[in-house]
Amino acid sequence: MRDLGSHTKDLVSAVLSYEFDGGEIDAWAIDLVRGGEFAQWRDALTDSGLFTDTAVEVIGSAWRRDPELLVDALLDGADEVSRRRLKTTRRPSLLPVHIPADRIVGFG
């Protein structure tokens, strides 16, 4: 992570690569990160026991400023093809659409 230092970047990447456990990185998860949703990744850092609460807050603040820092960490162990595919921002027409429940006919 460009503004967190190489040691912190390496630890964050190691923890998050373990979270994927060799599975394929989901493009929707990357889209959510780019949309500012990263609580599950922050929780993974907290649960790892490798970071103090203060360190997790500093990392979370960095992610809020620049979500691509988290994207980079998630893609650290990915193969080159996956990394290139997921580093490219997808067209808005391909992103998930959020429709409030009260606007869905027949809901509730």
C-alpha atoms as a PDB file:
ATOM      1  CA  MET A   1       0.000   0.000   0.000  1.00  0.00           C
ATOM      2  CA  ARG A   2       1.624   3.107  -1.204  1.00  0.00           C
ATOM      3  CA  ASP A   3       1.112   5.175   1.933  1.00  0.00           C
ATOM      4  CA  LEU A   4       1.262   2.468   4.609  1.00  0.00           C
ATOM      5  CA  GLY A   5       4.791   1.185   4.177  1.00  0.00           C
ATOM      6  CA  SER A   6       6.006  -2.039   2.646  1.00  0.00           C
ATOM      7  CA  HIS A   7       5.907  -4.087   5.873  1.00  0.00           C
ATOM      8  CA  THR A   8       2.230  -3.237   6.463  1.00  0.00           C
ATOM      9  CA  LYS A   9       1.416  -3.820   2.792  1.00  0.00           C
ATOM     10  CA  ASP A  10       3.040  -7.253   2.926  1.00  0.00           C
ATOM     11  CA  LEU A  11       1.143  -8.251   6.084  1.00  0.00           C
ATOM     12  CA  VAL A  12      -2.192  -7.011   4.715  1.00  0.00           C
ATOM     13  CA  SER A  13      -1.634  -8.858   1.426  1.00  0.00           C
ATOM     14  CA  ALA A  14      -0.707 -12.050   3.283  1.00  0.00           C
ATOM     15  CA  VAL A  15      -3.830 -11.950   5.457  1.00  0.00           C
ATOM     16  CA  LEU A  16      -6.153 -11.174   2.563  1.00  0.00           C
ATOM     17  CA  SER A  17      -4.639 -13.770   0.242  1.00  0.00           C
ATOM     18  CA  TYR A  18      -5.327 -16.336   2.979  1.00  0.00           C
ATOM     19  CA  GLU A  19      -8.963 -15.201   2.967  1.00  0.00           C
ATOM     20  CA  PHE A  20      -9.261 -16.250  -0.680  1.00  0.00           C
ATOM     21  CA  ASP A  21      -7.507 -19.546   0.123  1.00  0.00           C
ATOM     22  CA  GLY A  22      -6.617 -20.207  -3.502  1.00  0.00           C
ATOM     23  CA  GLY A  23     -10.105 -19.457  -4.784  1.00  0.00           C
ATOM     24  CA  GLU A  24     -10.871 -17.164  -7.665  1.00  0.00           C
ATOM     25  CA  ILE A  25     -11.227 -13.505  -6.843  1.00  0.00           C
ATOM     26  CA  ASP A  26     -14.786 -12.371  -7.458  1.00  0.00           C
ATOM     27  CA  ALA A  27     -15.201  -9.355  -9.750  1.00  0.00           C
ATOM     28  CA  TRP A  28     -18.289  -8.321  -7.771  1.00  0.00           C
ATOM     29  CA  ALA A  29     -16.205  -8.214  -4.583  1.00  0.00           C
ATOM     30  CA  ILE A  30     -13.771  -5.857  -6.312  1.00  0.00           C
ATOM     31  CA  ASP A  31     -16.701  -3.692  -7.455  1.00  0.00           C
ATOM     32  CA  LEU A  32     -17.967  -3.519  -3.870  1.00  0.00           C
ATOM     33  CA  VAL A  33     -14.522  -2.440  -2.668  1.00  0.00           C
ATOM     34  CA  ARG A  34     -14.445   0.278  -5.298  1.00  0.00           C
ATOM     35  CA  GLY A  35     -17.860   1.359  -4.035  1.00  0.00           C
ATOM     36  CA  GLY A  36     -16.449   1.778  -0.519  1.00  0.00           C
ATOM     37  CA  GLU A  37     -17.608  -1.491   1.059  1.00  0.00           C
ATOM     38  CA  PHE A  38     -14.696  -3.132   2.810  1.00  0.00           C
ATOM     39  CA  ALA A  39     -15.945  -4.043   6.295  1.00  0.00           C
ATOM     40  CA  GLN A  40     -15.373  -7.764   5.706  1.00  0.00           C
ATOM     41  CA  TRP A  41     -11.748  -7.123   4.770  1.00  0.00           C
ATOM     42  CA  ARG A  42     -11.227  -4.860   7.780  1.00  0.00           C
ATOM     43  CA  ASP A  43     -12.755  -7.613   9.947  1.00  0.00           C
ATOM     44  CA  ALA A  44     -10.338 -10.134   8.420  1.00  0.00           C
ATOM     45  CA  LEU A  45      -7.419  -7.944   9.492  1.00  0.00           C
ATOM     46  CA  THR A  46      -8.856  -7.590  12.992  1.00  0.00           C
ATOM     47  CA  ASP A  47      -9.519 -11.336  13.263  1.00  0.00           C
ATOM     48  CA  SER A  48      -5.982 -12.155  12.159  1.00  0.00           C
ATOM     49  CA  GLY A  49      -4.600 -10.797  15.429  1.00  0.00           C
ATOM     50  CA  LEU A  50      -1.646  -9.286  13.563  1.00  0.00           C
ATOM     51  CA  PHE A  51      -2.814  -5.675  13.801  1.00  0.00           C
ATOM     52  CA  THR A  52      -3.700  -3.387  16.693  1.00  0.00           C
ATOM     53  CA  ASP A  53      -7.046  -1.597  16.628  1.00  0.00           C
ATOM     54  CA  THR A  54      -5.181   1.605  15.798  1.00  0.00           C
ATOM     55  CA  ALA A  55      -3.378  -0.041  12.866  1.00  0.00           C
ATOM     56  CA  VAL A  56      -6.671  -1.409  11.497  1.00  0.00           C
ATOM     57  CA  GLU A  57      -8.175   2.089  11.733  1.00  0.00           C
ATOM     58  CA  VAL A  58      -5.192   3.604   9.887  1.00  0.00           C
ATOM     59  CA  ILE A  59      -5.470   0.952   7.165  1.00  0.00           C
ATOM     60  CA  GLY A  60      -9.248   1.470   6.925  1.00  0.00           C
ATOM     61  CA  SER A  61      -8.740   5.228   6.585  1.00  0.00           C
ATOM     62  CA  ALA A  62      -6.249   4.631   3.774  1.00  0.00           C
ATOM     63  CA  TRP A  63      -8.769   2.359   2.024  1.00  0.00           C
ATOM     64  CA  ARG A  64     -11.486   5.028   2.338  1.00  0.00           C
ATOM     65  CA  ARG A  65      -9.163   7.580   0.732  1.00  0.00           C
ATOM     66  CA  ASP A  66      -8.089   5.200  -2.023  1.00  0.00           C
ATOM     67  CA  PRO A  67     -10.037   1.918  -2.443  1.00  0.00           C
ATOM     68  CA  GLU A  68      -7.472   0.805  -5.053  1.00  0.00           C
ATOM     69  CA  LEU A  69      -5.071   0.174  -2.154  1.00  0.00           C
ATOM     70  CA  LEU A  70      -7.361  -2.641  -1.017  1.00  0.00           C
ATOM     71  CA  VAL A  71      -7.874  -3.838  -4.595  1.00  0.00           C
ATOM     72  CA  ASP A  72      -4.087  -4.038  -4.990  1.00  0.00           C
ATOM     73  CA  ALA A  73      -3.779  -6.023  -1.761  1.00  0.00           C
ATOM     74  CA  LEU A  74      -6.525  -8.429  -2.833  1.00  0.00           C
ATOM     75  CA  LEU A  75      -4.898  -8.956  -6.217  1.00  0.00           C
ATOM     76  CA  ASP A  76      -1.379  -9.352  -4.824  1.00  0.00           C
ATOM     77  CA  GLY A  77      -1.390 -13.149  -5.173  1.00  0.00           C
ATOM     78  CA  ALA A  78      -3.526 -13.302  -8.303  1.00  0.00           C
ATOM     79  CA  ASP A  79      -2.207 -14.524 -11.625  1.00  0.00           C
ATOM     80  CA  GLU A  80      -1.334 -11.920 -14.259  1.00  0.00           C
ATOM     81  CA  VAL A  81      -4.491 -12.441 -16.335  1.00  0.00           C
ATOM     82  CA  SER A  82      -6.783 -12.072 -13.315  1.00  0.00           C
ATOM     83  CA  ARG A  83      -4.855  -9.047 -12.098  1.00  0.00           C
ATOM     84  CA  ARG A  84      -5.174  -7.257 -15.444  1.00  0.00           C
ATOM     85  CA  ARG A  85      -8.840  -8.193 -15.813  1.00  0.00           C
ATOM     86  CA  LEU A  86      -9.778  -7.016 -12.336  1.00  0.00           C
ATOM     87  CA  LYS A  87      -7.637  -3.864 -12.312  1.00  0.00           C
ATOM     88  CA  THR A  88      -9.696  -2.565 -15.211  1.00  0.00           C
ATOM     89  CA  THR A  89     -12.735  -0.653 -14.037  1.00  0.00           C
ATOM     90  CA  ARG A  90     -15.848  -2.235 -15.469  1.00  0.00           C
ATOM     91  CA  ARG A  91     -18.487  -0.310 -17.363  1.00  0.00           C
ATOM     92  CA  PRO A  92     -21.312   0.942 -15.143  1.00  0.00           C
ATOM     93  CA  SER A  93     -23.788  -1.132 -17.194  1.00  0.00           C
ATOM     94  CA  LEU A  94     -22.053  -4.286 -15.927  1.00  0.00           C
ATOM     95  CA  LEU A  95     -22.142  -3.330 -12.261  1.00  0.00           C
ATOM     96  CA  PRO A  96     -24.817  -4.634  -9.874  1.00  0.00           C
ATOM     97  CA  VAL A  97     -27.885  -2.438  -9.629  1.00  0.00           C
ATOM     98  CA  HIS A  98     -29.191  -1.554  -6.190  1.00  0.00           C
ATOM     99  CA  ILE A  99     -32.962  -1.202  -6.127  1.00  0.00           C
ATOM    100  CA  PRO A 100     -34.510  -0.163  -2.803  1.00  0.00           C
ATOM    101  CA  ALA A 101     -36.933  -2.784  -1.477  1.00  0.00           C
ATOM    102  CA  ASP A 102     -39.840  -0.339  -1.493  1.00  0.00           C
ATOM    103  CA  ARG A 103     -39.452   0.104  -5.266  1.00  0.00           C
ATOM    104  CA  ILE A 104     -39.749  -3.613  -6.046  1.00  0.00           C
ATOM    105  CA  VAL A 105     -43.299  -4.592  -7.008  1.00  0.00           C
ATOM    106  CA  GLY A 106     -44.622  -7.379  -4.825  1.00  0.00           C
ATOM    107  CA  PHE A 107     -41.833  -7.122  -2.245  1.00  0.00           C
ATOM    108  CA  GLY A 108     -42.820  -7.302   1.389  1.00  0.00           C
END
